[in-house]
Amino acid sequence: MPADRREFMKVLAAAVAMQTSNPGSPIQNPGSRIPTGSIQALVFDAYGTLFDVYSVTSLCEQLFPGNGMALAVMWRTKQLQYSLLRSMMNRYKDFWQVTQDGLVYSAHALKLDLTADKRTRLMDAYMTLAAFPDVKPGLQQLKSMGLHLAVLSNGEPKMLRAATKSAGIADLLDAVISVDEVKVFKPNPRVYELASTHLKTPKANIGFVSSNNWDANGAGSAGLTTFWIQRAAAEPAEELGYPAAHVVHLLTDLPALVR
């Protein structure tokens, strides 16, 4: 695990502990079946869950031969770090700016010549990130079951609108919700409250889906039923006290659980 990611996880664990004022009891029995009809809506994280943040790697490599993977990994790490640190500092900037700041830092750290043109090309790539192959068919199945579907993301609204449209999933979503409304990033509890507000559905009837286990812990702490898409089989769960209620490996695994 890269050193930046290890440090980020340490800070993230501390932040969740600081920002959770009423922790309650950990969710038990991950993977247990859900009572019929209890889930009326599913809310999805965007980056890493619906959209592959590392689909920018090929462009990174094209622009910086031999450094593409290192740039893509560090860029994502700094993006998450900056969103967390800005929340803790109470100095919000939207996700577009945070993403750009992470890119600039990473280029400096790797001693890459990030010209204005290259910066623009890499930032524009975030507007059309590739969706994972299971995303569209999974959403289509869930939509056909009569479930309300939404995105709840750190992403800035313009970024999310562009990405969902590019992936061909915009018409499957009832809402695209950005943390920009509350000016703080996940895993702050105020972010997860937005799901119930927008969908006009009690938290008890909302499922939250993320491939980021720390995000699932944050949503579980806020009272949502959580689903972790464990895209990497070797990835362990975070030790934050709010494990995902259900673990799947693909978005297309969800219909069988919530049917």
C-alpha atoms as a PDB file:
ATOM      1  CA  MET A   1       0.000   0.000   0.000  1.00  0.00           C
ATOM      2  CA  PRO A   2       1.516   3.410  -0.961  1.00  0.00           C
ATOM      3  CA  ALA A   3       2.657   5.556   1.965  1.00  0.00           C
ATOM      4  CA  ASP A   4       0.222   8.344   1.022  1.00  0.00           C
ATOM      5  CA  ARG A   5      -2.723   5.961   1.218  1.00  0.00           C
ATOM      6  CA  ARG A   6      -1.603   4.580   4.592  1.00  0.00           C
ATOM      7  CA  GLU A   7      -1.390   8.089   5.992  1.00  0.00           C
ATOM      8  CA  PHE A   8      -4.775   8.977   4.506  1.00  0.00           C
ATOM      9  CA  MET A   9      -6.425   5.978   6.149  1.00  0.00           C
ATOM     10  CA  LYS A  10      -4.985   6.956   9.518  1.00  0.00           C
ATOM     11  CA  VAL A  11      -6.323  10.490   9.210  1.00  0.00           C
ATOM     12  CA  LEU A  12      -9.655   9.262   7.873  1.00  0.00           C
ATOM     13  CA  ALA A  13     -10.211   6.955  10.839  1.00  0.00           C
ATOM     14  CA  ALA A  14      -9.552   9.819  13.217  1.00  0.00           C
ATOM     15  CA  ALA A  15     -11.896  12.106  11.307  1.00  0.00           C
ATOM     16  CA  VAL A  16     -14.781   9.666  11.430  1.00  0.00           C
ATOM     17  CA  ALA A  17     -14.339   9.346  15.177  1.00  0.00           C
ATOM     18  CA  MET A  18     -14.306  13.141  15.554  1.00  0.00           C
ATOM     19  CA  GLN A  19     -17.287  13.842  13.292  1.00  0.00           C
ATOM     20  CA  THR A  20     -19.607  11.150  14.615  1.00  0.00           C
ATOM     21  CA  SER A  21     -21.414  12.588  17.624  1.00  0.00           C
ATOM     22  CA  ASN A  22     -23.842   9.708  18.247  1.00  0.00           C
ATOM     23  CA  PRO A  23     -22.255   6.437  17.136  1.00  0.00           C
ATOM     24  CA  GLY A  24     -24.832   3.926  18.425  1.00  0.00           C
ATOM     25  CA  SER A  25     -24.122   0.229  17.913  1.00  0.00           C
ATOM     26  CA  PRO A  26     -22.211  -1.377  15.050  1.00  0.00           C
ATOM     27  CA  ILE A  27     -24.281  -3.094  12.365  1.00  0.00           C
ATOM     28  CA  GLN A  28     -24.152  -6.848  12.791  1.00  0.00           C
ATOM     29  CA  ASN A  29     -24.405  -9.852  10.482  1.00  0.00           C
ATOM     30  CA  PRO A  30     -23.023  -8.496   7.199  1.00  0.00           C
ATOM     31  CA  GLY A  31     -24.588 -10.323   4.245  1.00  0.00           C
ATOM     32  CA  SER A  32     -27.895 -11.157   5.936  1.00  0.00           C
ATOM     33  CA  ARG A  33     -30.996 -10.982   3.774  1.00  0.00           C
ATOM     34  CA  ILE A  34     -33.053  -7.803   3.744  1.00  0.00           C
ATOM     35  CA  PRO A  35     -36.769  -7.947   4.696  1.00  0.00           C
ATOM     36  CA  THR A  36     -38.940  -7.722   1.577  1.00  0.00           C
ATOM     37  CA  GLY A  37     -39.903  -4.151   0.736  1.00  0.00           C
ATOM     38  CA  SER A  38     -37.750  -2.542   3.409  1.00  0.00           C
ATOM     39  CA  ILE A  39     -35.432  -0.926   0.858  1.00  0.00           C
ATOM     40  CA  GLN A  40     -37.305   1.590  -1.283  1.00  0.00           C
ATOM     41  CA  ALA A  41     -34.343   3.564  -2.594  1.00  0.00           C
ATOM     42  CA  LEU A  42     -30.660   2.974  -3.305  1.00  0.00           C
ATOM     43  CA  VAL A  43     -28.120   5.775  -3.209  1.00  0.00           C
ATOM     44  CA  PHE A  44     -24.733   5.287  -4.871  1.00  0.00           C
ATOM     45  CA  ASP A  45     -21.341   6.799  -4.350  1.00  0.00           C
ATOM     46  CA  ALA A  46     -19.909   7.949  -7.675  1.00  0.00           C
ATOM     47  CA  TYR A  47     -16.106   7.871  -7.818  1.00  0.00           C
ATOM     48  CA  GLY A  48     -14.704   4.384  -7.496  1.00  0.00           C
ATOM     49  CA  THR A  49     -18.211   2.902  -7.288  1.00  0.00           C
ATOM     50  CA  LEU A  50     -19.911   3.882 -10.543  1.00  0.00           C
ATOM     51  CA  PHE A  51     -16.948   5.529 -12.261  1.00  0.00           C
ATOM     52  CA  ASP A  52     -13.432   4.128 -12.516  1.00  0.00           C
ATOM     53  CA  VAL A  53     -11.145   6.907 -11.260  1.00  0.00           C
ATOM     54  CA  TYR A  54      -8.161   5.053 -12.672  1.00  0.00           C
ATOM     55  CA  SER A  55      -9.519   5.205 -16.206  1.00  0.00           C
ATOM     56  CA  VAL A  56      -7.439   8.405 -16.436  1.00  0.00           C
ATOM     57  CA  THR A  57      -4.271   6.302 -16.205  1.00  0.00           C
ATOM     58  CA  SER A  58      -3.921   5.850 -19.967  1.00  0.00           C
ATOM     59  CA  LEU A  59      -4.028   9.609 -20.519  1.00  0.00           C
ATOM     60  CA  CYS A  60      -1.582  10.141 -17.651  1.00  0.00           C
ATOM     61  CA  GLU A  61       0.794   7.684 -19.311  1.00  0.00           C
ATOM     62  CA  GLN A  62       0.321   9.301 -22.717  1.00  0.00           C
ATOM     63  CA  LEU A  63       1.214  12.720 -21.323  1.00  0.00           C
ATOM     64  CA  PHE A  64       3.935  11.491 -18.941  1.00  0.00           C
ATOM     65  CA  PRO A  65       5.443   8.250 -20.303  1.00  0.00           C
ATOM     66  CA  GLY A  66       6.659   5.962 -17.543  1.00  0.00           C
ATOM     67  CA  ASN A  67       4.826   7.924 -14.839  1.00  0.00           C
ATOM     68  CA  GLY A  68       1.180   7.340 -15.724  1.00  0.00           C
ATOM     69  CA  MET A  69       0.309   4.861 -12.996  1.00  0.00           C
ATOM     70  CA  ALA A  70       2.234   6.746 -10.306  1.00  0.00           C
ATOM     71  CA  LEU A  71       0.479   9.986 -11.239  1.00  0.00           C
ATOM     72  CA  ALA A  72      -2.996   8.423 -11.328  1.00  0.00           C
ATOM     73  CA  VAL A  73      -2.550   6.749  -7.926  1.00  0.00           C
ATOM     74  CA  MET A  74      -1.076   9.783  -6.194  1.00  0.00           C
ATOM     75  CA  TRP A  75      -3.684  12.079  -7.760  1.00  0.00           C
ATOM     76  CA  ARG A  76      -6.532   9.989  -6.360  1.00  0.00           C
ATOM     77  CA  THR A  77      -4.850   9.758  -2.953  1.00  0.00           C
ATOM     78  CA  LYS A  78      -4.353  13.524  -2.710  1.00  0.00           C
ATOM     79  CA  GLN A  79      -7.890  14.173  -3.948  1.00  0.00           C
ATOM     80  CA  LEU A  80      -9.269  12.161  -1.026  1.00  0.00           C
ATOM     81  CA  GLN A  81      -6.806  13.632   1.450  1.00  0.00           C
ATOM     82  CA  TYR A  82      -7.650  17.184   0.472  1.00  0.00           C
ATOM     83  CA  SER A  83     -11.397  16.585   0.694  1.00  0.00           C
ATOM     84  CA  LEU A  84     -10.936  15.184   4.193  1.00  0.00           C
ATOM     85  CA  LEU A  85      -8.505  17.845   5.356  1.00  0.00           C
ATOM     86  CA  ARG A  86     -10.623  20.705   4.046  1.00  0.00           C
ATOM     87  CA  SER A  87     -13.598  19.294   5.955  1.00  0.00           C
ATOM     88  CA  MET A  88     -11.538  19.164   9.133  1.00  0.00           C
ATOM     89  CA  MET A  89     -10.200  22.682   8.525  1.00  0.00           C
ATOM     90  CA  ASN A  90     -13.705  23.976   7.765  1.00  0.00           C
ATOM     91  CA  ARG A  91     -12.278  25.440   4.547  1.00  0.00           C
ATOM     92  CA  TYR A  92     -14.496  24.023   1.832  1.00  0.00           C
ATOM     93  CA  LYS A  93     -13.632  24.155  -1.849  1.00  0.00           C
ATOM     94  CA  ASP A  94     -15.696  22.204  -4.345  1.00  0.00           C
ATOM     95  CA  PHE A  95     -14.514  18.853  -5.662  1.00  0.00           C
ATOM     96  CA  TRP A  96     -13.387  20.280  -8.992  1.00  0.00           C
ATOM     97  CA  GLN A  97     -10.908  22.560  -7.219  1.00  0.00           C
ATOM     98  CA  VAL A  98      -9.872  19.822  -4.796  1.00  0.00           C
ATOM     99  CA  THR A  99      -9.253  17.476  -7.730  1.00  0.00           C
ATOM    100  CA  GLN A 100      -7.175  20.084  -9.521  1.00  0.00           C
ATOM    101  CA  ASP A 101      -5.166  20.846  -6.384  1.00  0.00           C
ATOM    102  CA  GLY A 102      -4.467  17.131  -5.976  1.00  0.00           C
ATOM    103  CA  LEU A 103      -3.275  16.929  -9.578  1.00  0.00           C
ATOM    104  CA  VAL A 104      -0.953  19.920  -9.223  1.00  0.00           C
ATOM    105  CA  TYR A 105       0.542  18.545  -5.993  1.00  0.00           C
ATOM    106  CA  SER A 106       1.089  15.117  -7.531  1.00  0.00           C
ATOM    107  CA  ALA A 107       2.834  16.561 -10.582  1.00  0.00           C
ATOM    108  CA  HIS A 108       5.119  18.587  -8.321  1.00  0.00           C
ATOM    109  CA  ALA A 109       5.856  15.562  -6.127  1.00  0.00           C
ATOM    110  CA  LEU A 110       6.751  13.435  -9.166  1.00  0.00           C
ATOM    111  CA  LYS A 111       8.704  16.321 -10.757  1.00  0.00           C
ATOM    112  CA  LEU A 112       6.525  16.365 -13.870  1.00  0.00           C
ATOM    113  CA  ASP A 113       6.080  19.401 -16.115  1.00  0.00           C
ATOM    114  CA  LEU A 114       2.335  19.952 -15.836  1.00  0.00           C
ATOM    115  CA  THR A 115       1.671  22.591 -18.484  1.00  0.00           C
ATOM    116  CA  ALA A 116      -1.653  24.432 -18.594  1.00  0.00           C
ATOM    117  CA  ASP A 117      -2.694  22.358 -21.599  1.00  0.00           C
ATOM    118  CA  LYS A 118      -1.880  19.042 -19.914  1.00  0.00           C
ATOM    119  CA  ARG A 119      -3.664  20.110 -16.740  1.00  0.00           C
ATOM    120  CA  THR A 120      -6.773  20.999 -18.734  1.00  0.00           C
ATOM    121  CA  ARG A 121      -6.738  17.686 -20.608  1.00  0.00           C
ATOM    122  CA  LEU A 122      -6.402  15.669 -17.402  1.00  0.00           C
ATOM    123  CA  MET A 123      -9.100  17.634 -15.603  1.00  0.00           C
ATOM    124  CA  ASP A 124     -11.464  17.288 -18.565  1.00  0.00           C
ATOM    125  CA  ALA A 125     -10.936  13.517 -18.394  1.00  0.00           C
ATOM    126  CA  TYR A 126     -12.723  13.555 -15.028  1.00  0.00           C
ATOM    127  CA  MET A 127     -15.883  14.691 -16.815  1.00  0.00           C
ATOM    128  CA  THR A 128     -16.015  11.479 -18.842  1.00  0.00           C
ATOM    129  CA  LEU A 129     -14.610   8.795 -16.555  1.00  0.00           C
ATOM    130  CA  ALA A 130     -15.379   5.262 -17.712  1.00  0.00           C
ATOM    131  CA  ALA A 131     -18.185   3.515 -15.851  1.00  0.00           C
ATOM    132  CA  PHE A 132     -17.507   0.006 -14.577  1.00  0.00           C
ATOM    133  CA  PRO A 133     -19.080  -2.656 -16.866  1.00  0.00           C
ATOM    134  CA  ASP A 134     -21.577  -3.791 -14.214  1.00  0.00           C
ATOM    135  CA  VAL A 135     -22.968  -0.293 -13.555  1.00  0.00           C
ATOM    136  CA  LYS A 136     -25.482   0.289 -16.329  1.00  0.00           C
ATOM    137  CA  PRO A 137     -26.984  -3.240 -16.370  1.00  0.00           C
ATOM    138  CA  GLY A 138     -27.157  -3.216 -12.573  1.00  0.00           C
ATOM    139  CA  LEU A 139     -28.951   0.121 -12.469  1.00  0.00           C
ATOM    140  CA  GLN A 140     -31.330  -1.011 -15.200  1.00  0.00           C
ATOM    141  CA  GLN A 141     -32.285  -4.104 -13.197  1.00  0.00           C
ATOM    142  CA  LEU A 142     -32.815  -2.104 -10.026  1.00  0.00           C
ATOM    143  CA  LYS A 143     -34.852   0.532 -11.841  1.00  0.00           C
ATOM    144  CA  SER A 144     -37.104  -2.152 -13.319  1.00  0.00           C
ATOM    145  CA  MET A 145     -37.863  -3.282  -9.750  1.00  0.00           C
ATOM    146  CA  GLY A 146     -39.411   0.095  -8.981  1.00  0.00           C
ATOM    147  CA  LEU A 147     -36.618   1.340  -6.720  1.00  0.00           C
ATOM    148  CA  HIS A 148     -35.695   5.006  -6.547  1.00  0.00           C
ATOM    149  CA  LEU A 149     -32.053   5.457  -7.534  1.00  0.00           C
ATOM    150  CA  ALA A 150     -29.737   8.360  -6.811  1.00  0.00           C
ATOM    151  CA  VAL A 151     -26.099   9.373  -6.642  1.00  0.00           C
ATOM    152  CA  LEU A 152     -24.699  10.916  -3.456  1.00  0.00           C
ATOM    153  CA  SER A 153     -21.185  12.113  -4.097  1.00  0.00           C
ATOM    154  CA  ASN A 154     -18.355  14.413  -3.109  1.00  0.00           C
ATOM    155  CA  GLY A 155     -18.397  15.459  -6.751  1.00  0.00           C
ATOM    156  CA  GLU A 156     -19.237  18.971  -7.859  1.00  0.00           C
ATOM    157  CA  PRO A 157     -22.654  19.105  -9.620  1.00  0.00           C
ATOM    158  CA  LYS A 158     -21.257  19.908 -13.088  1.00  0.00           C
ATOM    159  CA  MET A 159     -18.793  17.018 -12.820  1.00  0.00           C
ATOM    160  CA  LEU A 160     -21.531  14.583 -11.819  1.00  0.00           C
ATOM    161  CA  ARG A 161     -23.938  15.673 -14.533  1.00  0.00           C
ATOM    162  CA  ALA A 162     -21.242  15.265 -17.181  1.00  0.00           C
ATOM    163  CA  ALA A 163     -20.095  11.863 -15.903  1.00  0.00           C
ATOM    164  CA  THR A 164     -23.585  10.361 -15.610  1.00  0.00           C
ATOM    165  CA  LYS A 165     -24.486  11.623 -19.082  1.00  0.00           C
ATOM    166  CA  SER A 166     -21.242  10.311 -20.588  1.00  0.00           C
ATOM    167  CA  ALA A 167     -21.856   6.895 -19.000  1.00  0.00           C
ATOM    168  CA  GLY A 168     -25.429   6.748 -20.329  1.00  0.00           C
ATOM    169  CA  ILE A 169     -26.998   6.374 -16.866  1.00  0.00           C
ATOM    170  CA  ALA A 170     -28.484   9.835 -16.290  1.00  0.00           C
ATOM    171  CA  ASP A 171     -32.007   8.726 -17.221  1.00  0.00           C
ATOM    172  CA  LEU A 172     -31.860   5.876 -14.679  1.00  0.00           C
ATOM    173  CA  LEU A 173     -31.344   8.245 -11.747  1.00  0.00           C
ATOM    174  CA  ASP A 174     -34.031  10.071  -9.790  1.00  0.00           C
ATOM    175  CA  ALA A 175     -31.524  12.467  -8.247  1.00  0.00           C
ATOM    176  CA  VAL A 176     -27.866  13.414  -8.429  1.00  0.00           C
ATOM    177  CA  ILE A 177     -26.918  14.805  -5.023  1.00  0.00           C
ATOM    178  CA  SER A 178     -23.691  16.685  -4.335  1.00  0.00           C
ATOM    179  CA  VAL A 179     -22.046  17.569  -1.042  1.00  0.00           C
ATOM    180  CA  ASP A 180     -21.846  21.080  -2.471  1.00  0.00           C
ATOM    181  CA  GLU A 181     -25.223  21.684  -0.800  1.00  0.00           C
ATOM    182  CA  VAL A 182     -23.772  21.345   2.702  1.00  0.00           C
ATOM    183  CA  LYS A 183     -20.202  22.474   1.932  1.00  0.00           C
ATOM    184  CA  VAL A 184     -18.518  19.550   3.645  1.00  0.00           C
ATOM    185  CA  PHE A 185     -17.240  16.209   2.339  1.00  0.00           C
ATOM    186  CA  LYS A 186     -17.920  12.612   3.299  1.00  0.00           C
ATOM    187  CA  PRO A 187     -17.896  11.023   5.820  1.00  0.00           C
ATOM    188  CA  ASN A 188     -19.534  13.950   7.628  1.00  0.00           C
ATOM    189  CA  PRO A 189     -23.019  12.803   8.769  1.00  0.00           C
ATOM    190  CA  ARG A 190     -24.676  15.857   7.191  1.00  0.00           C
ATOM    191  CA  VAL A 191     -23.805  14.495   3.766  1.00  0.00           C
ATOM    192  CA  TYR A 192     -25.716  11.249   4.255  1.00  0.00           C
ATOM    193  CA  GLU A 193     -28.756  13.139   5.574  1.00  0.00           C
ATOM    194  CA  LEU A 194     -29.140  14.583   2.072  1.00  0.00           C
ATOM    195  CA  ALA A 195     -30.332  11.217   0.770  1.00  0.00           C
ATOM    196  CA  SER A 196     -33.472  11.174   2.896  1.00  0.00           C
ATOM    197  CA  THR A 197     -34.152  14.854   2.208  1.00  0.00           C
ATOM    198  CA  HIS A 198     -33.925  14.569  -1.575  1.00  0.00           C
ATOM    199  CA  LEU A 199     -35.724  11.251  -1.937  1.00  0.00           C
ATOM    200  CA  LYS A 200     -38.354  12.037   0.723  1.00  0.00           C
ATOM    201  CA  THR A 201     -37.768   8.570   2.109  1.00  0.00           C
ATOM    202  CA  PRO A 202     -36.987   7.543   5.714  1.00  0.00           C
ATOM    203  CA  LYS A 203     -33.376   6.578   6.330  1.00  0.00           C
ATOM    204  CA  ALA A 204     -34.535   3.121   7.387  1.00  0.00           C
ATOM    205  CA  ASN A 205     -35.726   2.526   3.815  1.00  0.00           C
ATOM    206  CA  ILE A 206     -32.613   3.771   2.030  1.00  0.00           C
ATOM    207  CA  GLY A 207     -29.658   1.618   1.045  1.00  0.00           C
ATOM    208  CA  PHE A 208     -26.288   3.245   0.488  1.00  0.00           C
ATOM    209  CA  VAL A 209     -23.864   1.618  -1.955  1.00  0.00           C
ATOM    210  CA  SER A 210     -20.136   2.312  -2.159  1.00  0.00           C
ATOM    211  CA  SER A 211     -16.956   0.537  -3.177  1.00  0.00           C
ATOM    212  CA  ASN A 212     -15.103   2.741  -0.684  1.00  0.00           C
ATOM    213  CA  ASN A 213     -15.344   0.894   2.616  1.00  0.00           C
ATOM    214  CA  TRP A 214     -14.681   4.030   4.680  1.00  0.00           C
ATOM    215  CA  ASP A 215     -17.670   5.607   2.893  1.00  0.00           C
ATOM    216  CA  ALA A 216     -19.888   2.636   3.764  1.00  0.00           C
ATOM    217  CA  ASN A 217     -18.796   3.001   7.391  1.00  0.00           C
ATOM    218  CA  GLY A 218     -19.704   6.681   7.311  1.00  0.00           C
ATOM    219  CA  ALA A 219     -23.152   5.962   5.892  1.00  0.00           C
ATOM    220  CA  GLY A 220     -23.712   3.161   8.388  1.00  0.00           C
ATOM    221  CA  SER A 221     -22.787   5.491  11.227  1.00  0.00           C
ATOM    222  CA  ALA A 222     -25.374   7.946   9.874  1.00  0.00           C
ATOM    223  CA  GLY A 223     -28.111   5.294   9.992  1.00  0.00           C
ATOM    224  CA  LEU A 224     -28.340   4.016   6.414  1.00  0.00           C
ATOM    225  CA  THR A 225     -28.362   0.346   5.401  1.00  0.00           C
ATOM    226  CA  THR A 226     -25.025  -0.122   3.696  1.00  0.00           C
ATOM    227  CA  PHE A 227     -23.765  -2.217   0.806  1.00  0.00           C
ATOM    228  CA  TRP A 228     -20.042  -2.495   0.131  1.00  0.00           C
ATOM    229  CA  ILE A 229     -19.047  -3.350  -3.427  1.00  0.00           C
ATOM    230  CA  GLN A 230     -15.748  -5.095  -2.732  1.00  0.00           C
ATOM    231  CA  ARG A 231     -14.237  -4.723  -6.182  1.00  0.00           C
ATOM    232  CA  ALA A 232     -10.836  -6.042  -5.041  1.00  0.00           C
ATOM    233  CA  ALA A 233     -11.268  -9.409  -3.337  1.00  0.00           C
ATOM    234  CA  ALA A 234      -8.127  -8.972  -1.236  1.00  0.00           C
ATOM    235  CA  GLU A 235      -9.174  -5.594   0.177  1.00  0.00           C
ATOM    236  CA  PRO A 236      -9.930  -5.799   3.917  1.00  0.00           C
ATOM    237  CA  ALA A 237     -12.746  -3.907   5.583  1.00  0.00           C
ATOM    238  CA  GLU A 238     -11.895  -0.797   7.569  1.00  0.00           C
ATOM    239  CA  GLU A 239     -11.860  -1.021  11.364  1.00  0.00           C
ATOM    240  CA  LEU A 240     -14.198   1.902  12.035  1.00  0.00           C
ATOM    241  CA  GLY A 241     -16.973   0.091  13.905  1.00  0.00           C
ATOM    242  CA  TYR A 242     -19.748   0.379  11.292  1.00  0.00           C
ATOM    243  CA  PRO A 243     -19.163  -2.497   8.852  1.00  0.00           C
ATOM    244  CA  ALA A 244     -21.250  -2.751   5.724  1.00  0.00           C
ATOM    245  CA  ALA A 245     -24.475  -4.655   6.339  1.00  0.00           C
ATOM    246  CA  HIS A 246     -24.011  -6.445   3.013  1.00  0.00           C
ATOM    247  CA  VAL A 247     -20.955  -7.208   0.903  1.00  0.00           C
ATOM    248  CA  VAL A 248     -21.181  -7.803  -2.842  1.00  0.00           C
ATOM    249  CA  HIS A 249     -18.630  -7.814  -5.636  1.00  0.00           C
ATOM    250  CA  LEU A 250     -20.635  -6.310  -8.477  1.00  0.00           C
ATOM    251  CA  LEU A 251     -23.486  -3.852  -8.727  1.00  0.00           C
ATOM    252  CA  THR A 252     -25.439  -6.560 -10.537  1.00  0.00           C
ATOM    253  CA  ASP A 253     -25.389  -8.592  -7.289  1.00  0.00           C
ATOM    254  CA  LEU A 254     -27.724  -6.081  -5.610  1.00  0.00           C
ATOM    255  CA  PRO A 255     -31.107  -7.029  -7.152  1.00  0.00           C
ATOM    256  CA  ALA A 256     -31.035 -10.463  -5.513  1.00  0.00           C
ATOM    257  CA  LEU A 257     -30.541  -8.847  -2.095  1.00  0.00           C
ATOM    258  CA  VAL A 258     -33.182  -6.143  -2.272  1.00  0.00           C
ATOM    259  CA  ARG A 259     -35.833  -8.008  -4.292  1.00  0.00           C
END
